[in-house]
C-alpha atoms as a PDB file:
ATOM      1  CA  TYR A   1     -63.643-107.967 -83.715  1.00  0.00           C
ATOM      2  CA  SER A   2     -62.022-105.462 -86.080  1.00  0.00           C
ATOM      3  CA  ASP A   3     -58.939-105.127 -83.815  1.00  0.00           C
ATOM      4  CA  ILE A   4     -58.517-108.902 -83.649  1.00  0.00           C
ATOM      5  CA  THR A   5     -58.965-109.350 -87.413  1.00  0.00           C
ATOM      6  CA  GLN A   6     -56.219-106.751 -87.914  1.00  0.00           C
ATOM      7  CA  LYS A   7     -53.951-108.898 -85.725  1.00  0.00           C
ATOM      8  CA  CYS A   8     -54.874-111.934 -87.863  1.00  0.00           C
ATOM      9  CA  TRP A   9     -53.885-109.950 -90.929  1.00  0.00           C
ATOM     10  CA  ASP A  10     -50.628-108.774 -89.340  1.00  0.00           C
ATOM     11  CA  TYR A  11     -49.724-112.378 -88.493  1.00  0.00           C
ATOM     12  CA  PHE A  12     -50.497-113.421 -92.082  1.00  0.00           C
ATOM     13  CA  VAL A  13     -48.215-110.663 -93.420  1.00  0.00           C
ATOM     14  CA  TYR A  14     -45.538-111.805 -90.948  1.00  0.00           C
ATOM     15  CA  LEU A  15     -45.791-115.396 -92.235  1.00  0.00           C
ATOM     16  CA  MET A  16     -45.722-114.250 -95.867  1.00  0.00           C
ATOM     17  CA  ARG A  17     -42.506-112.231 -95.433  1.00  0.00           C
ATOM     18  CA  ASN A  18     -40.362-115.315 -96.132  1.00  0.00           C
ATOM     19  CA  VAL A  19     -42.253-116.333 -99.261  1.00  0.00           C
ATOM     20  CA  THR A  20     -40.384-115.339-102.402  1.00  0.00           C
ATOM     21  CA  ALA A  21     -42.142-113.933-105.461  1.00  0.00           C
ATOM     22  CA  SER A  22     -41.560-117.173-107.385  1.00  0.00           C
ATOM     23  CA  GLU A  23     -43.227-119.181-104.587  1.00  0.00           C
ATOM     24  CA  LEU A  24     -46.370-117.035-104.266  1.00  0.00           C
ATOM     25  CA  CYS A  25     -48.429-119.331-106.460  1.00  0.00           C
ATOM     26  CA  GLU A  26     -47.232-122.620-104.991  1.00  0.00           C
ATOM     27  CA  TRP A  27     -49.962-123.991-102.736  1.00  0.00           C
ATOM     28  CA  LYS A  28     -47.561-126.111-100.692  1.00  0.00           C
ATOM     29  CA  VAL A  29     -45.722-122.908 -99.708  1.00  0.00           C
ATOM     30  CA  ILE A  30     -48.631-120.545 -99.127  1.00  0.00           C
ATOM     31  CA  SER A  31     -51.175-123.007 -97.741  1.00  0.00           C
ATOM     32  CA  ARG A  32     -50.004-122.611 -94.137  1.00  0.00           C
ATOM     33  CA  PRO A  33     -50.128-118.788 -93.980  1.00  0.00           C
ATOM     34  CA  TYR A  34     -53.396-118.698 -95.934  1.00  0.00           C
ATOM     35  CA  SER A  35     -54.986-121.370 -93.742  1.00  0.00           C
ATOM     36  CA  GLU A  36     -53.763-119.570 -90.617  1.00  0.00           C
ATOM     37  CA  LEU A  37     -55.430-116.357 -91.768  1.00  0.00           C
ATOM     38  CA  GLN A  38     -58.689-118.117 -92.519  1.00  0.00           C
ATOM     39  CA  TYR A  39     -58.581-120.074 -89.253  1.00  0.00           C
ATOM     40  CA  CYS A  40     -57.852-116.943 -87.206  1.00  0.00           C
ATOM     41  CA  LEU A  41     -60.681-114.986 -88.809  1.00  0.00           C
ATOM     42  CA  GLU A  42     -63.111-117.875 -88.369  1.00  0.00           C
ATOM     43  CA  LEU A  43     -62.043-118.687 -84.800  1.00  0.00           C
ATOM     44  CA  TRP A  44     -62.442-115.142 -83.511  1.00  0.00           C
ATOM     45  CA  ALA A  45     -65.726-114.654 -85.344  1.00  0.00           C
ATOM     46  CA  ASP A  46     -67.014-117.763 -83.589  1.00  0.00           C
ATOM     47  CA  ARG A  47     -65.653-116.749 -80.173  1.00  0.00           C
ATOM     48  CA  LEU A  48     -67.160-113.265 -80.420  1.00  0.00           C
ATOM     49  CA  ASN A  49     -70.485-114.564 -81.774  1.00  0.00           C
ATOM     50  CA  HIS A  50     -70.067-113.012 -85.218  1.00  0.00           C
ATOM     51  CA  SER A  51     -71.240-114.803 -88.324  1.00  0.00           C
ATOM     52  CA  TYR A  52     -68.611-116.275 -90.595  1.00  0.00           C
ATOM     53  CA  PRO A  53     -67.991-115.493 -93.350  1.00  0.00           C
ATOM     54  CA  ASN A  54     -68.626-111.817 -92.763  1.00  0.00           C
ATOM     55  CA  ALA A  55     -67.786-108.611 -94.584  1.00  0.00           C
ATOM     56  CA  LEU A  56     -64.659-107.863 -92.562  1.00  0.00           C
ATOM     57  CA  ALA A  57     -63.257-111.382 -92.939  1.00  0.00           C
ATOM     58  CA  GLU A  58     -63.990-111.335 -96.670  1.00  0.00           C
ATOM     59  CA  GLN A  59     -62.204-107.994 -96.936  1.00  0.00           C
ATOM     60  CA  TYR A  60     -59.014-109.548 -95.523  1.00  0.00           C
ATOM     61  CA  ILE A  61     -59.298-112.597 -97.779  1.00  0.00           C
ATOM     62  CA  PHE A  62     -59.769-110.367-100.841  1.00  0.00           C
ATOM     63  CA  GLN A  63     -56.906-108.187 -99.666  1.00  0.00           C
ATOM     64  CA  SER A  64     -54.630-111.239 -99.443  1.00  0.00           C
ATOM     65  CA  HIS A  65     -55.520-112.238-103.004  1.00  0.00           C
ATOM     66  CA  HIS A  66     -55.069-108.724-104.306  1.00  0.00           C
ATOM     67  CA  ARG A  67     -51.738-108.199-102.552  1.00  0.00           C
ATOM     68  CA  TYR A  68     -50.101-111.607-102.914  1.00  0.00           C
ATOM     69  CA  PHE A  69     -51.880-113.858-105.392  1.00  0.00           C
ATOM     70  CA  HIS A  70     -53.128-111.592-108.189  1.00  0.00           C
ATOM     71  CA  ASN A  71     -50.611-112.977-110.718  1.00  0.00           C
ATOM     72  CA  CYS A  72     -51.406-116.634-110.074  1.00  0.00           C
ATOM     73  CA  THR A  73     -53.044-118.589-112.859  1.00  0.00           C
ATOM     74  CA  LEU A  74     -54.650-122.003-112.786  1.00  0.00           C
ATOM     75  CA  GLU A  75     -52.588-124.969-113.959  1.00  0.00           C
ATOM     76  CA  HIS A  76     -55.621-126.348-115.758  1.00  0.00           C
ATOM     77  CA  PRO A  77     -57.467-123.926-118.023  1.00  0.00           C
ATOM     78  CA  VAL A  78     -60.991-122.961-117.130  1.00  0.00           C
ATOM     79  CA  TYR A  79     -63.405-123.828-119.903  1.00  0.00           C
ATOM     80  CA  PHE A  80     -66.156-121.423-120.863  1.00  0.00           C
ATOM     81  CA  ASP A  81     -69.257-121.843-123.002  1.00  0.00           C
ATOM     82  CA  PRO A  82     -68.680-121.150-126.693  1.00  0.00           C
ATOM     83  CA  PRO A  83     -70.018-117.933-128.198  1.00  0.00           C
ATOM     84  CA  GLU A  84     -73.766-117.917-128.857  1.00  0.00           C
ATOM     85  CA  ASP A  85     -73.480-118.202-132.641  1.00  0.00           C
ATOM     86  CA  VAL A  86     -71.251-121.280-132.381  1.00  0.00           C
ATOM     87  CA  LEU A  87     -73.513-122.814-129.745  1.00  0.00           C
ATOM     88  CA  LEU A  88     -76.581-122.167-131.896  1.00  0.00           C
ATOM     89  CA  ALA A  89     -74.909-123.847-134.902  1.00  0.00           C
ATOM     90  CA  MET A  90     -73.968-126.844-132.752  1.00  0.00           C
ATOM     91  CA  ILE A  91     -77.589-127.222-131.634  1.00  0.00           C
ATOM     92  CA  ILE A  92     -79.345-126.586-134.952  1.00  0.00           C
ATOM     93  CA  ALA A  93     -77.091-128.745-137.167  1.00  0.00           C
ATOM     94  CA  PRO A  94     -78.079-132.092-135.599  1.00  0.00           C
ATOM     95  CA  ILE A  95     -81.741-131.043-135.416  1.00  0.00           C
ATOM     96  CA  CYS A  96     -81.762-130.282-139.140  1.00  0.00           C
ATOM     97  CA  LEU A  97     -79.996-133.541-139.925  1.00  0.00           C
ATOM     98  CA  ILE A  98     -82.599-135.731-138.203  1.00  0.00           C
ATOM     99  CA  PRO A  99     -85.452-135.225-140.744  1.00  0.00           C
ATOM    100  CA  PHE A 100     -82.999-135.794-143.610  1.00  0.00           C
ATOM    101  CA  LEU A 101     -81.750-139.054-142.088  1.00  0.00           C
ATOM    102  CA  VAL A 102     -85.296-140.266-141.348  1.00  0.00           C
ATOM    103  CA  THR A 103     -86.303-139.531-144.945  1.00  0.00           C
ATOM    104  CA  LEU A 104     -83.215-141.336-146.231  1.00  0.00           C
ATOM    105  CA  VAL A 105     -83.930-144.437-144.111  1.00  0.00           C
ATOM    106  CA  ILE A 106     -87.580-144.572-145.230  1.00  0.00           C
ATOM    107  CA  TRP A 107     -86.658-144.058-148.869  1.00  0.00           C
ATOM    108  CA  ARG A 108     -83.987-146.783-148.721  1.00  0.00           C
ATOM    109  CA  SER A 109     -86.305-149.239-146.953  1.00  0.00           C
ATOM    110  CA  LYS A 110     -88.974-148.741-149.631  1.00  0.00           C
ATOM    111  CA  ASP A 111     -86.379-149.493-152.338  1.00  0.00           C
ATOM    112  CA  GLY A 112     -85.420-152.696-150.514  1.00  0.00           C
ATOM    113  CA  LYS A 113     -89.043-153.938-150.440  1.00  0.00           C
ATOM    114  CA  ALA A 114     -89.563-153.160-154.097  1.00  0.00           C
ATOM    115  CA  GLN A 115     -86.481-155.181-155.106  1.00  0.00           C
ATOM    116  CA  ALA A 116     -87.458-158.266-153.064  1.00  0.00           C
END
């Protein structure tokens, strides 16, 4: 299996030779070589009764990312949770406001009854 996966990798490198540096992050350009690599690794794992994904296949996938796609960024930013102190303030502020608002509503409704 390791000899065949090396041939899959060699074919991927062969396909990537025509991809310019400015095209490395364009999916429409790199999708064919990348899909070919994944298909080759998966096909031969299946034919030789190896599990897929496996450590060797993952090594080649990681190697492709490290060698070719390490400078690619996402078009849409990835959102992360806010820092803990900000998150805590966003949770506690509404909780503290609820008793105040309940008190205000009760106080105002008592004033309305007294005036009627």
